[in-house]
Amino acid sequence: MTTLAPDLSQEQYIVDVNGNKTAVILSIELYEQMLEDIHDLAIVAERRSEPSISLAEMKKRLNSHETLSN
């Protein structure tokens, strides 16, 4: 997951007649970055109940598929 600090100077707000913020305008770059972060967090939440494995077990699995170079 790649998370960059948002450039808050790019945000623009739409306010109602009382000065209350009702909407925000973001750059496409920041919007897409936020969507990607939300997607990544959803995947983490979905996989939270999966059992974890040790680093040694993961290396063993990768070596068995020849995807890990020594």
C-alpha atoms as a PDB file:
ATOM      1  CA  MET A   1       0.000   0.000   0.000  1.00  0.00           C
ATOM      2  CA  THR A   2       1.457   3.325  -1.002  1.00  0.00           C
ATOM      3  CA  THR A   3       0.328   6.197   1.118  1.00  0.00           C
ATOM      4  CA  LEU A   4       1.576   9.692   0.470  1.00  0.00           C
ATOM      5  CA  ALA A   5       0.821  12.661   2.655  1.00  0.00           C
ATOM      6  CA  PRO A   6      -1.968  14.589   0.956  1.00  0.00           C
ATOM      7  CA  ASP A   7      -1.227  18.095  -0.206  1.00  0.00           C
ATOM      8  CA  LEU A   8      -3.920  19.906   1.730  1.00  0.00           C
ATOM      9  CA  SER A   9      -3.352  23.066  -0.278  1.00  0.00           C
ATOM     10  CA  GLN A  10      -5.023  21.306  -3.223  1.00  0.00           C
ATOM     11  CA  GLU A  11      -8.330  20.934  -1.403  1.00  0.00           C
ATOM     12  CA  GLN A  12     -11.120  23.370  -2.129  1.00  0.00           C
ATOM     13  CA  TYR A  13     -14.367  23.482  -0.226  1.00  0.00           C
ATOM     14  CA  ILE A  14     -17.868  24.345  -1.298  1.00  0.00           C
ATOM     15  CA  VAL A  15     -19.809  26.076   1.444  1.00  0.00           C
ATOM     16  CA  ASP A  16     -23.464  26.853   1.945  1.00  0.00           C
ATOM     17  CA  VAL A  17     -24.868  30.328   2.655  1.00  0.00           C
ATOM     18  CA  ASN A  18     -24.017  29.876   6.353  1.00  0.00           C
ATOM     19  CA  GLY A  19     -20.385  29.078   5.631  1.00  0.00           C
ATOM     20  CA  ASN A  20     -20.730  25.363   6.448  1.00  0.00           C
ATOM     21  CA  LYS A  21     -18.597  23.060   4.326  1.00  0.00           C
ATOM     22  CA  THR A  22     -20.862  20.900   2.163  1.00  0.00           C
ATOM     23  CA  ALA A  23     -18.446  19.389  -0.367  1.00  0.00           C
ATOM     24  CA  VAL A  24     -14.774  19.183  -1.225  1.00  0.00           C
ATOM     25  CA  ILE A  25     -12.926  19.371  -4.514  1.00  0.00           C
ATOM     26  CA  LEU A  26      -9.771  17.247  -4.742  1.00  0.00           C
ATOM     27  CA  SER A  27      -7.180  16.801  -7.443  1.00  0.00           C
ATOM     28  CA  ILE A  28      -7.682  13.675  -9.530  1.00  0.00           C
ATOM     29  CA  GLU A  29      -4.299  12.415  -8.276  1.00  0.00           C
ATOM     30  CA  LEU A  30      -5.318  12.719  -4.622  1.00  0.00           C
ATOM     31  CA  TYR A  31      -8.771  11.240  -5.296  1.00  0.00           C
ATOM     32  CA  GLU A  32      -7.306   8.207  -7.086  1.00  0.00           C
ATOM     33  CA  GLN A  33      -4.730   7.771  -4.318  1.00  0.00           C
ATOM     34  CA  MET A  34      -7.502   7.772  -1.719  1.00  0.00           C
ATOM     35  CA  LEU A  35      -9.501   5.202  -3.716  1.00  0.00           C
ATOM     36  CA  GLU A  36      -6.432   2.949  -3.891  1.00  0.00           C
ATOM     37  CA  ASP A  37      -5.892   3.282  -0.132  1.00  0.00           C
ATOM     38  CA  ILE A  38      -9.542   2.414   0.546  1.00  0.00           C
ATOM     39  CA  HIS A  39      -9.247  -0.629  -1.721  1.00  0.00           C
ATOM     40  CA  ASP A  40      -6.079  -1.774   0.068  1.00  0.00           C
ATOM     41  CA  LEU A  41      -7.753  -1.373   3.466  1.00  0.00           C
ATOM     42  CA  ALA A  42     -10.763  -3.384   2.276  1.00  0.00           C
ATOM     43  CA  ILE A  43      -8.465  -6.235   1.246  1.00  0.00           C
ATOM     44  CA  VAL A  44      -6.747  -6.147   4.643  1.00  0.00           C
ATOM     45  CA  ALA A  45     -10.135  -6.264   6.392  1.00  0.00           C
ATOM     46  CA  GLU A  46     -11.281  -9.218   4.246  1.00  0.00           C
ATOM     47  CA  ARG A  47      -8.116 -11.179   5.011  1.00  0.00           C
ATOM     48  CA  ARG A  48      -7.971 -10.362   8.722  1.00  0.00           C
ATOM     49  CA  SER A  49      -9.397 -13.754   9.716  1.00  0.00           C
ATOM     50  CA  GLU A  50      -6.954 -15.742   7.569  1.00  0.00           C
ATOM     51  CA  PRO A  51      -4.305 -17.633   9.521  1.00  0.00           C
ATOM     52  CA  SER A  52      -0.831 -16.153   9.456  1.00  0.00           C
ATOM     53  CA  ILE A  53       2.320 -18.055   8.525  1.00  0.00           C
ATOM     54  CA  SER A  54       5.919 -17.625   9.592  1.00  0.00           C
ATOM     55  CA  LEU A  55       8.562 -16.021   7.414  1.00  0.00           C
ATOM     56  CA  ALA A  56      10.336 -19.383   7.207  1.00  0.00           C
ATOM     57  CA  GLU A  57       7.152 -21.049   5.925  1.00  0.00           C
ATOM     58  CA  MET A  58       6.651 -18.296   3.351  1.00  0.00           C
ATOM     59  CA  LYS A  59      10.244 -18.682   2.111  1.00  0.00           C
ATOM     60  CA  LYS A  60       9.716 -22.449   1.897  1.00  0.00           C
ATOM     61  CA  ARG A  61       6.591 -21.950  -0.220  1.00  0.00           C
ATOM     62  CA  LEU A  62       8.288 -19.431  -2.501  1.00  0.00           C
ATOM     63  CA  ASN A  63      11.340 -21.681  -2.945  1.00  0.00           C
ATOM     64  CA  SER A  64       9.114 -24.606  -3.851  1.00  0.00           C
ATOM     65  CA  HIS A  65       7.642 -22.507  -6.663  1.00  0.00           C
ATOM     66  CA  GLU A  66      11.069 -21.141  -7.651  1.00  0.00           C
ATOM     67  CA  THR A  67       9.928 -17.548  -7.134  1.00  0.00           C
ATOM     68  CA  LEU A  68      12.517 -16.677  -4.514  1.00  0.00           C
ATOM     69  CA  SER A  69      16.123 -16.150  -5.577  1.00  0.00           C
ATOM     70  CA  ASN A  70      18.824 -16.791  -3.008  1.00  0.00           C
END
